[in-house]
Amino acid sequence: MSNFLAATVAAAGLILLLGQIGSEDYRTALAEEREACAMVAAGRWPAETAEGYDCPKRVARSEL
């Protein structure tokens, strides 16, 4: 029974670890998207840089 408990605890720990890693990846991707949209809006980067991102319409269209 203790092997089952140890395996359950290890599996739960792995699931929590993977969830934390995924959450951090998501936050990093959002930060990159915000930066790309801001740089395009400021005119420092071409509009193609923000293709595929969910920039506000005024930002995406102002550079096209």
C-alpha atoms as a PDB file:
ATOM      1  CA  MET A   1       0.000   0.000   0.000  1.00  0.00           C
ATOM      2  CA  SER A   2       2.856   2.412   0.681  1.00  0.00           C
ATOM      3  CA  ASN A   3       4.111   1.970  -2.910  1.00  0.00           C
ATOM      4  CA  PHE A   4       0.704   3.020  -4.172  1.00  0.00           C
ATOM      5  CA  LEU A   5       0.723   6.074  -1.919  1.00  0.00           C
ATOM      6  CA  ALA A   6       4.229   7.044  -3.016  1.00  0.00           C
ATOM      7  CA  ALA A   7       3.280   6.674  -6.682  1.00  0.00           C
ATOM      8  CA  THR A   8       0.141   8.749  -6.147  1.00  0.00           C
ATOM      9  CA  VAL A   9       2.080  11.511  -4.416  1.00  0.00           C
ATOM     10  CA  ALA A  10       4.741  11.459  -7.151  1.00  0.00           C
ATOM     11  CA  ALA A  11       2.100  11.635  -9.888  1.00  0.00           C
ATOM     12  CA  ALA A  12       0.333  14.518  -8.146  1.00  0.00           C
ATOM     13  CA  GLY A  13       3.638  16.359  -7.788  1.00  0.00           C
ATOM     14  CA  LEU A  14       4.419  15.839 -11.463  1.00  0.00           C
ATOM     15  CA  ILE A  15       0.999  17.125 -12.488  1.00  0.00           C
ATOM     16  CA  LEU A  16       1.424  20.237 -10.315  1.00  0.00           C
ATOM     17  CA  LEU A  17       4.908  20.843 -11.719  1.00  0.00           C
ATOM     18  CA  LEU A  18       3.717  20.547 -15.314  1.00  0.00           C
ATOM     19  CA  GLY A  19       0.809  22.860 -14.562  1.00  0.00           C
ATOM     20  CA  GLN A  20       3.169  25.482 -13.151  1.00  0.00           C
ATOM     21  CA  ILE A  21       5.480  25.219 -16.165  1.00  0.00           C
ATOM     22  CA  GLY A  22       2.542  25.566 -18.554  1.00  0.00           C
ATOM     23  CA  SER A  23       1.249  28.588 -16.670  1.00  0.00           C
ATOM     24  CA  GLU A  24       4.649  30.272 -16.859  1.00  0.00           C
ATOM     25  CA  ASP A  25       4.867  29.586 -20.607  1.00  0.00           C
ATOM     26  CA  TYR A  26       1.438  31.148 -21.074  1.00  0.00           C
ATOM     27  CA  ARG A  27       2.405  34.285 -19.132  1.00  0.00           C
ATOM     28  CA  THR A  28       5.620  34.611 -21.159  1.00  0.00           C
ATOM     29  CA  ALA A  29       3.703  34.309 -24.441  1.00  0.00           C
ATOM     30  CA  LEU A  30       1.241  37.009 -23.336  1.00  0.00           C
ATOM     31  CA  ALA A  31       4.109  39.332 -22.415  1.00  0.00           C
ATOM     32  CA  GLU A  32       5.731  38.772 -25.812  1.00  0.00           C
ATOM     33  CA  GLU A  33       2.415  39.499 -27.539  1.00  0.00           C
ATOM     34  CA  ARG A  34       1.927  42.732 -25.581  1.00  0.00           C
ATOM     35  CA  GLU A  35       5.466  43.854 -26.414  1.00  0.00           C
ATOM     36  CA  ALA A  36       5.055  43.110 -30.130  1.00  0.00           C
ATOM     37  CA  CYS A  37       1.741  44.983 -30.267  1.00  0.00           C
ATOM     38  CA  ALA A  38       3.229  47.952 -28.415  1.00  0.00           C
ATOM     39  CA  MET A  39       6.276  48.096 -30.709  1.00  0.00           C
ATOM     40  CA  VAL A  40       4.076  47.950 -33.812  1.00  0.00           C
ATOM     41  CA  ALA A  41       1.814  50.670 -32.383  1.00  0.00           C
ATOM     42  CA  ALA A  42       4.861  52.846 -31.703  1.00  0.00           C
ATOM     43  CA  GLY A  43       6.057  52.344 -35.278  1.00  0.00           C
ATOM     44  CA  ARG A  44       9.311  50.666 -34.254  1.00  0.00           C
ATOM     45  CA  TRP A  45       8.480  47.252 -35.712  1.00  0.00           C
ATOM     46  CA  PRO A  46       6.708  46.391 -38.981  1.00  0.00           C
ATOM     47  CA  ALA A  47       3.095  45.211 -38.748  1.00  0.00           C
ATOM     48  CA  GLU A  48       4.093  41.738 -39.971  1.00  0.00           C
ATOM     49  CA  THR A  49       5.833  41.224 -36.629  1.00  0.00           C
ATOM     50  CA  ALA A  50       2.477  41.168 -34.863  1.00  0.00           C
ATOM     51  CA  GLU A  51       0.764  38.845 -37.357  1.00  0.00           C
ATOM     52  CA  GLY A  52      -1.131  36.144 -35.527  1.00  0.00           C
ATOM     53  CA  TYR A  53      -1.326  38.151 -32.313  1.00  0.00           C
ATOM     54  CA  ASP A  54      -4.552  39.544 -30.918  1.00  0.00           C
ATOM     55  CA  CYS A  55      -3.552  43.206 -31.134  1.00  0.00           C
ATOM     56  CA  PRO A  56      -6.224  45.857 -31.011  1.00  0.00           C
ATOM     57  CA  LYS A  57      -7.634  46.549 -34.470  1.00  0.00           C
ATOM     58  CA  ARG A  58      -6.410  50.160 -34.418  1.00  0.00           C
ATOM     59  CA  VAL A  59      -2.825  48.952 -33.909  1.00  0.00           C
ATOM     60  CA  ALA A  60      -2.913  46.251 -36.547  1.00  0.00           C
ATOM     61  CA  ARG A  61      -4.566  48.475 -39.162  1.00  0.00           C
ATOM     62  CA  SER A  62      -2.502  51.604 -38.502  1.00  0.00           C
ATOM     63  CA  GLU A  63       0.631  49.967 -39.865  1.00  0.00           C
ATOM     64  CA  LEU A  64      -0.917  48.154 -42.825  1.00  0.00           C
END
